[in-house]
Structures are given as C-alpha cells and as structure tokens.
C-alpha cells in the first residue's frame, strides 16, 4: 500500500485489537494487531513483527486506540504517511 500511495499521502489501517486470538486464527483472522510503545505490532503464535521500524525511512507511523461502538471491542488505528 505504501508503495502505491503518493508522497505526502496516507495509508490508514483500522483493525480490532488482537482479533486473531479472539477468532482462533480462523478465516481472515490469521494475525493480531496491537501497539507497543507507539509502534504498530503484528503478531501470531509463531512470533511478532514490528511494522513501524522498517518503515521509518520512508514514512511516519502514528497509532492510537479507539473504542468500538458499545465499548465491547477496542480498535487500533494506524496512520502511515509517506514522506515527501
């Protein structure tokens, strides 16, 4: 996605926090998404991958949490801005 977006533009990701665990890694829910010390983290039972670190040269990455309607789930929102 970052390769396709124009310089100075954004990729916006919004995922349920750790939905892979909640759905027992079935169907589309093969990965979990979360945040650690401001970095966007993707993980599964085999390990974790810091998505923010390899993007630092070409983009800024900002993440925050949002509560879903009704407060039953929490979302992670990740805004990736391609550097000009």
PDB file of N, CA and C in Angstrom:
ATOM      1  N   UNK A   1       0.817  -1.190   0.000  1.00  0.00           N
ATOM      2  CA  UNK A   1       0.000   0.000   0.000  1.00  0.00           C
ATOM      3  C   UNK A   1       0.864   1.259   0.000  1.00  0.00           C
ATOM      4  N   UNK A   2       1.917   1.237   0.794  1.00  0.00           N
ATOM      5  CA  UNK A   2       2.786   2.408   0.867  1.00  0.00           C
ATOM      6  C   UNK A   2       3.495   2.663  -0.458  1.00  0.00           C
ATOM      7  N   UNK A   3       3.812   1.622  -1.176  1.00  0.00           N
ATOM      8  CA  UNK A   3       4.447   1.768  -2.483  1.00  0.00           C
ATOM      9  C   UNK A   3       3.522   2.490  -3.456  1.00  0.00           C
ATOM     10  N   UNK A   4       2.245   2.238  -3.377  1.00  0.00           N
ATOM     11  CA  UNK A   4       1.285   2.807  -4.324  1.00  0.00           C
ATOM     12  C   UNK A   4       0.824   4.217  -3.996  1.00  0.00           C
ATOM     13  N   UNK A   5       0.879   4.593  -2.720  1.00  0.00           N
ATOM     14  CA  UNK A   5       0.388   5.910  -2.332  1.00  0.00           C
ATOM     15  C   UNK A   5       1.409   6.987  -2.733  1.00  0.00           C
ATOM     16  N   UNK A   6       0.907   8.168  -3.111  1.00  0.00           N
ATOM     17  CA  UNK A   6       1.782   9.275  -3.498  1.00  0.00           C
ATOM     18  C   UNK A   6       2.532   9.819  -2.286  1.00  0.00           C
ATOM     19  N   UNK A   7       3.680  10.450  -2.552  1.00  0.00           N
ATOM     20  CA  UNK A   7       4.457  11.069  -1.476  1.00  0.00           C
ATOM     21  C   UNK A   7       3.615  12.106  -0.738  1.00  0.00           C
ATOM     22  N   UNK A   8       3.725  12.115   0.569  1.00  0.00           N
ATOM     23  CA  UNK A   8       2.970  13.053   1.389  1.00  0.00           C
ATOM     24  C   UNK A   8       1.551  12.603   1.691  1.00  0.00           C
ATOM     25  N   UNK A   9       1.123  11.490   1.125  1.00  0.00           N
ATOM     26  CA  UNK A   9      -0.237  10.965   1.346  1.00  0.00           C
ATOM     27  C   UNK A   9      -0.215   9.848   2.382  1.00  0.00           C
ATOM     28  N   UNK A  10      -1.394   9.310   2.671  1.00  0.00           N
ATOM     29  CA  UNK A  10      -1.566   8.425   3.816  1.00  0.00           C
ATOM     30  C   UNK A  10      -2.093   7.043   3.448  1.00  0.00           C
ATOM     31  N   UNK A  11      -1.706   6.090   4.280  1.00  0.00           N
ATOM     32  CA  UNK A  11      -2.347   4.776   4.328  1.00  0.00           C
ATOM     33  C   UNK A  11      -2.961   4.701   5.721  1.00  0.00           C
ATOM     34  N   UNK A  12      -4.244   4.398   5.799  1.00  0.00           N
ATOM     35  CA  UNK A  12      -4.944   4.328   7.074  1.00  0.00           C
ATOM     36  C   UNK A  12      -5.364   2.887   7.318  1.00  0.00           C
ATOM     37  N   UNK A  13      -4.947   2.346   8.457  1.00  0.00           N
ATOM     38  CA  UNK A  13      -5.315   0.986   8.836  1.00  0.00           C
ATOM     39  C   UNK A  13      -6.137   1.046  10.110  1.00  0.00           C
ATOM     40  N   UNK A  14      -7.194   0.259  10.153  1.00  0.00           N
ATOM     41  CA  UNK A  14      -8.054   0.200  11.349  1.00  0.00           C
ATOM     42  C   UNK A  14      -8.416  -1.262  11.572  1.00  0.00           C
ATOM     43  N   UNK A  15      -7.980  -1.806  12.692  1.00  0.00           N
ATOM     44  CA  UNK A  15      -8.181  -3.225  12.988  1.00  0.00           C
ATOM     45  C   UNK A  15      -8.661  -3.400  14.421  1.00  0.00           C
ATOM     46  N   UNK A  16      -9.430  -4.444  14.652  1.00  0.00           N
ATOM     47  CA  UNK A  16      -9.748  -4.840  16.025  1.00  0.00           C
ATOM     48  C   UNK A  16      -8.458  -5.330  16.672  1.00  0.00           C
ATOM     49  N   UNK A  17      -8.229  -4.921  17.898  1.00  0.00           N
ATOM     50  CA  UNK A  17      -7.026  -5.330  18.618  1.00  0.00           C
ATOM     51  C   UNK A  17      -7.066  -6.839  18.867  1.00  0.00           C
ATOM     52  N   UNK A  18      -5.987  -7.519  18.494  1.00  0.00           N
ATOM     53  CA  UNK A  18      -5.785  -8.946  18.754  1.00  0.00           C
ATOM     54  C   UNK A  18      -6.961  -9.829  18.329  1.00  0.00           C
ATOM     55  N   UNK A  19      -7.521  -9.537  17.169  1.00  0.00           N
ATOM     56  CA  UNK A  19      -8.681 -10.281  16.669  1.00  0.00           C
ATOM     57  C   UNK A  19      -8.328 -11.717  16.279  1.00  0.00           C
ATOM     58  N   UNK A  20      -7.074 -11.994  15.929  1.00  0.00           N
ATOM     59  CA  UNK A  20      -6.667 -13.367  15.619  1.00  0.00           C
ATOM     60  C   UNK A  20      -6.920 -14.299  16.796  1.00  0.00           C
ATOM     61  N   UNK A  21      -6.536 -13.864  17.979  1.00  0.00           N
ATOM     62  CA  UNK A  21      -6.772 -14.657  19.192  1.00  0.00           C
ATOM     63  C   UNK A  21      -8.274 -14.845  19.408  1.00  0.00           C
ATOM     64  N   UNK A  22      -9.018 -13.738  19.290  1.00  0.00           N
ATOM     65  CA  UNK A  22     -10.464 -13.793  19.529  1.00  0.00           C
ATOM     66  C   UNK A  22     -11.174 -14.738  18.566  1.00  0.00           C
ATOM     67  N   UNK A  23     -10.687 -14.846  17.323  1.00  0.00           N
ATOM     68  CA  UNK A  23     -11.323 -15.694  16.307  1.00  0.00           C
ATOM     69  C   UNK A  23     -10.595 -17.027  16.116  1.00  0.00           C
ATOM     70  N   UNK A  24      -9.646 -17.319  17.016  1.00  0.00           N
ATOM     71  CA  UNK A  24      -8.890 -18.575  16.995  1.00  0.00           C
ATOM     72  C   UNK A  24      -8.183 -18.792  15.654  1.00  0.00           C
ATOM     73  N   UNK A  25      -7.687 -17.704  15.079  1.00  0.00           N
ATOM     74  CA  UNK A  25      -6.879 -17.719  13.849  1.00  0.00           C
ATOM     75  C   UNK A  25      -7.603 -18.378  12.668  1.00  0.00           C
ATOM     76  N   UNK A  26      -8.906 -18.230  12.607  1.00  0.00           N
ATOM     77  CA  UNK A  26      -9.676 -18.803  11.507  1.00  0.00           C
ATOM     78  C   UNK A  26     -10.011 -17.747  10.465  1.00  0.00           C
ATOM     79  N   UNK A  27     -10.221 -18.196   9.245  1.00  0.00           N
ATOM     80  CA  UNK A  27     -10.636 -17.314   8.156  1.00  0.00           C
ATOM     81  C   UNK A  27      -9.624 -16.222   7.893  1.00  0.00           C
ATOM     82  N   UNK A  28     -10.107 -14.989   7.826  1.00  0.00           N
ATOM     83  CA  UNK A  28      -9.232 -13.850   7.557  1.00  0.00           C
ATOM     84  C   UNK A  28      -8.426 -13.424   8.775  1.00  0.00           C
ATOM     85  N   UNK A  29      -8.721 -14.001   9.907  1.00  0.00           N
ATOM     86  CA  UNK A  29      -8.113 -13.550  11.167  1.00  0.00           C
ATOM     87  C   UNK A  29      -6.864 -14.363  11.507  1.00  0.00           C
ATOM     88  N   UNK A  30      -5.861 -14.271  10.659  1.00  0.00           N
ATOM     89  CA  UNK A  30      -4.632 -15.030  10.852  1.00  0.00           C
ATOM     90  C   UNK A  30      -3.600 -14.281  11.697  1.00  0.00           C
ATOM     91  N   UNK A  31      -3.788 -12.991  11.873  1.00  0.00           N
ATOM     92  CA  UNK A  31      -2.835 -12.156  12.587  1.00  0.00           C
ATOM     93  C   UNK A  31      -3.527 -11.317  13.646  1.00  0.00           C
ATOM     94  N   UNK A  32      -2.760 -10.906  14.630  1.00  0.00           N
ATOM     95  CA  UNK A  32      -3.207  -9.962  15.650  1.00  0.00           C
ATOM     96  C   UNK A  32      -2.515  -8.636  15.378  1.00  0.00           C
ATOM     97  N   UNK A  33      -3.179  -7.553  15.725  1.00  0.00           N
ATOM     98  CA  UNK A  33      -2.600  -6.222  15.578  1.00  0.00           C
ATOM     99  C   UNK A  33      -2.712  -5.500  16.906  1.00  0.00           C
ATOM    100  N   UNK A  34      -1.627  -4.823  17.278  1.00  0.00           N
ATOM    101  CA  UNK A  34      -1.619  -4.089  18.532  1.00  0.00           C
ATOM    102  C   UNK A  34      -0.553  -3.007  18.458  1.00  0.00           C
ATOM    103  N   UNK A  35      -0.310  -2.350  19.585  1.00  0.00           N
ATOM    104  CA  UNK A  35       0.649  -1.262  19.638  1.00  0.00           C
ATOM    105  C   UNK A  35       1.525  -1.463  20.876  1.00  0.00           C
ATOM    106  N   UNK A  36       2.810  -1.188  20.723  1.00  0.00           N
ATOM    107  CA  UNK A  36       3.724  -1.244  21.857  1.00  0.00           C
ATOM    108  C   UNK A  36       4.664  -0.048  21.766  1.00  0.00           C
ATOM    109  N   UNK A  37       4.657   0.773  22.793  1.00  0.00           N
ATOM    110  CA  UNK A  37       5.487   1.984  22.847  1.00  0.00           C
ATOM    111  C   UNK A  37       5.325   2.823  21.587  1.00  0.00           C
ATOM    112  N   UNK A  38       4.104   2.914  21.103  1.00  0.00           N
ATOM    113  CA  UNK A  38       3.778   3.723  19.930  1.00  0.00           C
ATOM    114  C   UNK A  38       4.012   3.044  18.599  1.00  0.00           C
ATOM    115  N   UNK A  39       4.632   1.865  18.593  1.00  0.00           N
ATOM    116  CA  UNK A  39       4.895   1.138  17.348  1.00  0.00           C
ATOM    117  C   UNK A  39       3.751   0.186  17.007  1.00  0.00           C
ATOM    118  N   UNK A  40       3.466   0.047  15.734  1.00  0.00           N
ATOM    119  CA  UNK A  40       2.440  -0.859  15.240  1.00  0.00           C
ATOM    120  C   UNK A  40       3.036  -2.267  15.186  1.00  0.00           C
ATOM    121  N   UNK A  41       2.394  -3.205  15.870  1.00  0.00           N
ATOM    122  CA  UNK A  41       2.892  -4.571  16.002  1.00  0.00           C
ATOM    123  C   UNK A  41       1.880  -5.545  15.413  1.00  0.00           C
ATOM    124  N   UNK A  42       2.372  -6.473  14.600  1.00  0.00           N
ATOM    125  CA  UNK A  42       1.572  -7.581  14.077  1.00  0.00           C
ATOM    126  C   UNK A  42       2.171  -8.856  14.661  1.00  0.00           C
ATOM    127  N   UNK A  43       1.318  -9.760  15.154  1.00  0.00           N
ATOM    128  CA  UNK A  43       1.858 -10.969  15.764  1.00  0.00           C
ATOM    129  C   UNK A  43       0.892 -12.143  15.617  1.00  0.00           C
ATOM    130  N   UNK A  44       1.461 -13.338  15.761  1.00  0.00           N
ATOM    131  CA  UNK A  44       0.675 -14.571  15.820  1.00  0.00           C
ATOM    132  C   UNK A  44       1.377 -15.506  16.791  1.00  0.00           C
ATOM    133  N   UNK A  45       0.962 -16.749  16.835  1.00  0.00           N
ATOM    134  CA  UNK A  45       1.537 -17.691  17.796  1.00  0.00           C
ATOM    135  C   UNK A  45       3.029 -17.948  17.550  1.00  0.00           C
ATOM    136  N   UNK A  46       3.497 -17.755  16.336  1.00  0.00           N
ATOM    137  CA  UNK A  46       4.895 -18.021  15.988  1.00  0.00           C
ATOM    138  C   UNK A  46       5.832 -16.865  16.348  1.00  0.00           C
ATOM    139  N   UNK A  47       5.302 -15.674  16.527  1.00  0.00           N
ATOM    140  CA  UNK A  47       6.158 -14.539  16.865  1.00  0.00           C
ATOM    141  C   UNK A  47       5.515 -13.224  16.498  1.00  0.00           C
ATOM    142  N   UNK A  48       6.306 -12.169  16.626  1.00  0.00           N
ATOM    143  CA  UNK A  48       5.773 -10.839  16.335  1.00  0.00           C
ATOM    144  C   UNK A  48       6.677 -10.088  15.363  1.00  0.00           C
ATOM    145  N   UNK A  49       6.065  -9.090  14.717  1.00  0.00           N
ATOM    146  CA  UNK A  49       6.742  -8.286  13.724  1.00  0.00           C
ATOM    147  C   UNK A  49       6.433  -6.822  14.005  1.00  0.00           C
ATOM    148  N   UNK A  50       7.463  -6.025  14.196  1.00  0.00           N
ATOM    149  CA  UNK A  50       7.284  -4.596  14.388  1.00  0.00           C
ATOM    150  C   UNK A  50       7.155  -3.964  13.008  1.00  0.00           C
ATOM    151  N   UNK A  51       5.971  -3.489  12.680  1.00  0.00           N
ATOM    152  CA  UNK A  51       5.700  -2.919  11.359  1.00  0.00           C
ATOM    153  C   UNK A  51       6.297  -1.519  11.243  1.00  0.00           C
ATOM    154  N   UNK A  52       6.376  -0.789  12.327  1.00  0.00           N
ATOM    155  CA  UNK A  52       6.848   0.592  12.312  1.00  0.00           C
ATOM    156  C   UNK A  52       8.326   0.701  11.946  1.00  0.00           C
ATOM    157  N   UNK A  53       9.161  -0.108  12.540  1.00  0.00           N
ATOM    158  CA  UNK A  53      10.612   0.037  12.389  1.00  0.00           C
ATOM    159  C   UNK A  53      11.097   0.018  10.939  1.00  0.00           C
ATOM    160  N   UNK A  54      10.722  -0.968  10.108  1.00  0.00           N
ATOM    161  CA  UNK A  54      11.238  -0.958   8.740  1.00  0.00           C
ATOM    162  C   UNK A  54      10.672   0.158   7.856  1.00  0.00           C
ATOM    163  N   UNK A  55       9.613   0.826   8.316  1.00  0.00           N
ATOM    164  CA  UNK A  55       9.009   1.908   7.531  1.00  0.00           C
ATOM    165  C   UNK A  55       9.581   3.287   7.866  1.00  0.00           C
ATOM    166  N   UNK A  56      10.382   3.396   8.893  1.00  0.00           N
ATOM    167  CA  UNK A  56      10.859   4.704   9.384  1.00  0.00           C
ATOM    168  C   UNK A  56      11.569   5.545   8.326  1.00  0.00           C
ATOM    169  N   UNK A  57      12.283   4.942   7.414  1.00  0.00           N
ATOM    170  CA  UNK A  57      12.999   5.711   6.384  1.00  0.00           C
ATOM    171  C   UNK A  57      12.058   6.343   5.369  1.00  0.00           C
ATOM    172  N   UNK A  58      10.954   5.681   5.098  1.00  0.00           N
ATOM    173  CA  UNK A  58      10.071   6.160   4.036  1.00  0.00           C
ATOM    174  C   UNK A  58       8.741   6.716   4.513  1.00  0.00           C
ATOM    175  N   UNK A  59       8.446   6.592   5.814  1.00  0.00           N
ATOM    176  CA  UNK A  59       7.134   7.033   6.295  1.00  0.00           C
ATOM    177  C   UNK A  59       7.168   7.355   7.777  1.00  0.00           C
ATOM    178  N   UNK A  60       6.179   8.140   8.207  1.00  0.00           N
ATOM    179  CA  UNK A  60       5.931   8.319   9.634  1.00  0.00           C
ATOM    180  C   UNK A  60       4.740   7.445   9.987  1.00  0.00           C
ATOM    181  N   UNK A  61       4.793   6.852  11.161  1.00  0.00           N
ATOM    182  CA  UNK A  61       3.738   5.937  11.593  1.00  0.00           C
ATOM    183  C   UNK A  61       3.213   6.415  12.938  1.00  0.00           C
ATOM    184  N   UNK A  62       1.902   6.648  13.008  1.00  0.00           N
ATOM    185  CA  UNK A  62       1.254   7.059  14.257  1.00  0.00           C
ATOM    186  C   UNK A  62       0.109   6.106  14.535  1.00  0.00           C
ATOM    187  N   UNK A  63       0.028   5.617  15.759  1.00  0.00           N
ATOM    188  CA  UNK A  63      -1.040   4.685  16.137  1.00  0.00           C
ATOM    189  C   UNK A  63      -1.761   5.194  17.375  1.00  0.00           C
ATOM    190  N   UNK A  64      -3.029   4.859  17.458  1.00  0.00           N
ATOM    191  CA  UNK A  64      -3.807   5.138  18.669  1.00  0.00           C
ATOM    192  C   UNK A  64      -4.949   4.134  18.753  1.00  0.00           C
ATOM    193  N   UNK A  65      -5.540   4.047  19.926  1.00  0.00           N
ATOM    194  CA  UNK A  65      -6.674   3.155  20.155  1.00  0.00           C
ATOM    195  C   UNK A  65      -7.989   3.925  20.065  1.00  0.00           C
ATOM    196  N   UNK A  66      -9.024   3.235  19.638  1.00  0.00           N
ATOM    197  CA  UNK A  66     -10.392   3.754  19.653  1.00  0.00           C
ATOM    198  C   UNK A  66     -11.292   2.683  20.225  1.00  0.00           C
ATOM    199  N   UNK A  67     -12.304   3.100  20.952  1.00  0.00           N
ATOM    200  CA  UNK A  67     -13.309   2.154  21.429  1.00  0.00           C
ATOM    201  C   UNK A  67     -14.351   1.948  20.346  1.00  0.00           C
ATOM    202  N   UNK A  68     -14.755   0.705  20.147  1.00  0.00           N
ATOM    203  CA  UNK A  68     -15.820   0.406  19.187  1.00  0.00           C
ATOM    204  C   UNK A  68     -17.157   0.792  19.799  1.00  0.00           C
ATOM    205  N   UNK A  69     -18.147   0.927  18.960  1.00  0.00           N
ATOM    206  CA  UNK A  69     -19.491   1.248  19.436  1.00  0.00           C
ATOM    207  C   UNK A  69     -19.905   0.223  20.482  1.00  0.00           C
ATOM    208  N   UNK A  70     -20.444   0.683  21.566  1.00  0.00           N
ATOM    209  CA  UNK A  70     -20.864  -0.210  22.635  1.00  0.00           C
ATOM    210  C   UNK A  70     -19.742  -0.567  23.589  1.00  0.00           C
ATOM    211  N   UNK A  71     -18.497  -0.227  23.228  1.00  0.00           N
ATOM    212  CA  UNK A  71     -17.373  -0.437  24.116  1.00  0.00           C
ATOM    213  C   UNK A  71     -16.930  -1.871  24.310  1.00  0.00           C
ATOM    214  N   UNK A  72     -17.450  -2.796  23.484  1.00  0.00           N
ATOM    215  CA  UNK A  72     -17.087  -4.200  23.676  1.00  0.00           C
ATOM    216  C   UNK A  72     -15.722  -4.542  23.102  1.00  0.00           C
ATOM    217  N   UNK A  73     -15.302  -3.826  22.080  1.00  0.00           N
ATOM    218  CA  UNK A  73     -14.008  -4.099  21.455  1.00  0.00           C
ATOM    219  C   UNK A  73     -13.214  -2.808  21.380  1.00  0.00           C
ATOM    220  N   UNK A  74     -11.917  -2.998  21.242  1.00  0.00           N
ATOM    221  CA  UNK A  74     -11.034  -1.853  21.064  1.00  0.00           C
ATOM    222  C   UNK A  74     -10.408  -1.978  19.678  1.00  0.00           C
ATOM    223  N   UNK A  75     -10.271  -0.843  19.006  1.00  0.00           N
ATOM    224  CA  UNK A  75      -9.655  -0.785  17.676  1.00  0.00           C
ATOM    225  C   UNK A  75      -8.290  -0.149  17.786  1.00  0.00           C
ATOM    226  N   UNK A  76      -7.393  -0.560  16.907  1.00  0.00           N
ATOM    227  CA  UNK A  76      -6.133   0.149  16.736  1.00  0.00           C
ATOM    228  C   UNK A  76      -6.193   0.841  15.381  1.00  0.00           C
ATOM    229  N   UNK A  77      -5.878   2.114  15.379  1.00  0.00           N
ATOM    230  CA  UNK A  77      -5.847   2.910  14.156  1.00  0.00           C
ATOM    231  C   UNK A  77      -4.392   3.284  13.914  1.00  0.00           C
ATOM    232  N   UNK A  78      -3.926   3.004  12.713  1.00  0.00           N
ATOM    233  CA  UNK A  78      -2.540   3.268  12.360  1.00  0.00           C
ATOM    234  C   UNK A  78      -2.532   4.158  11.109  1.00  0.00           C
ATOM    235  N   UNK A  79      -1.920   5.314  11.243  1.00  0.00           N
ATOM    236  CA  UNK A  79      -1.831   6.274  10.139  1.00  0.00           C
ATOM    237  C   UNK A  79      -0.381   6.293   9.660  1.00  0.00           C
ATOM    238  N   UNK A  80      -0.188   5.870   8.424  1.00  0.00           N
ATOM    239  CA  UNK A  80       1.144   5.811   7.841  1.00  0.00           C
ATOM    240  C   UNK A  80       1.220   6.876   6.752  1.00  0.00           C
ATOM    241  N   UNK A  81       2.098   7.860   6.938  1.00  0.00           N
ATOM    242  CA  UNK A  81       2.236   8.954   5.982  1.00  0.00           C
ATOM    243  C   UNK A  81       3.557   8.791   5.229  1.00  0.00           C
ATOM    244  N   UNK A  82       3.470   8.645   3.930  1.00  0.00           N
ATOM    245  CA  UNK A  82       4.667   8.533   3.107  1.00  0.00           C
ATOM    246  C   UNK A  82       5.388   9.871   3.106  1.00  0.00           C
ATOM    247  N   UNK A  83       6.673   9.833   3.364  1.00  0.00           N
ATOM    248  CA  UNK A  83       7.450  11.065   3.414  1.00  0.00           C
ATOM    249  C   UNK A  83       7.526  11.722   2.044  1.00  0.00           C
ATOM    250  N   UNK A  84       7.510  13.083   2.024  1.00  0.00           N
ATOM    251  CA  UNK A  84       7.595  13.800   0.743  1.00  0.00           C
ATOM    252  C   UNK A  84       8.930  13.589   0.028  1.00  0.00           C
TER     253      UNK A  84
END
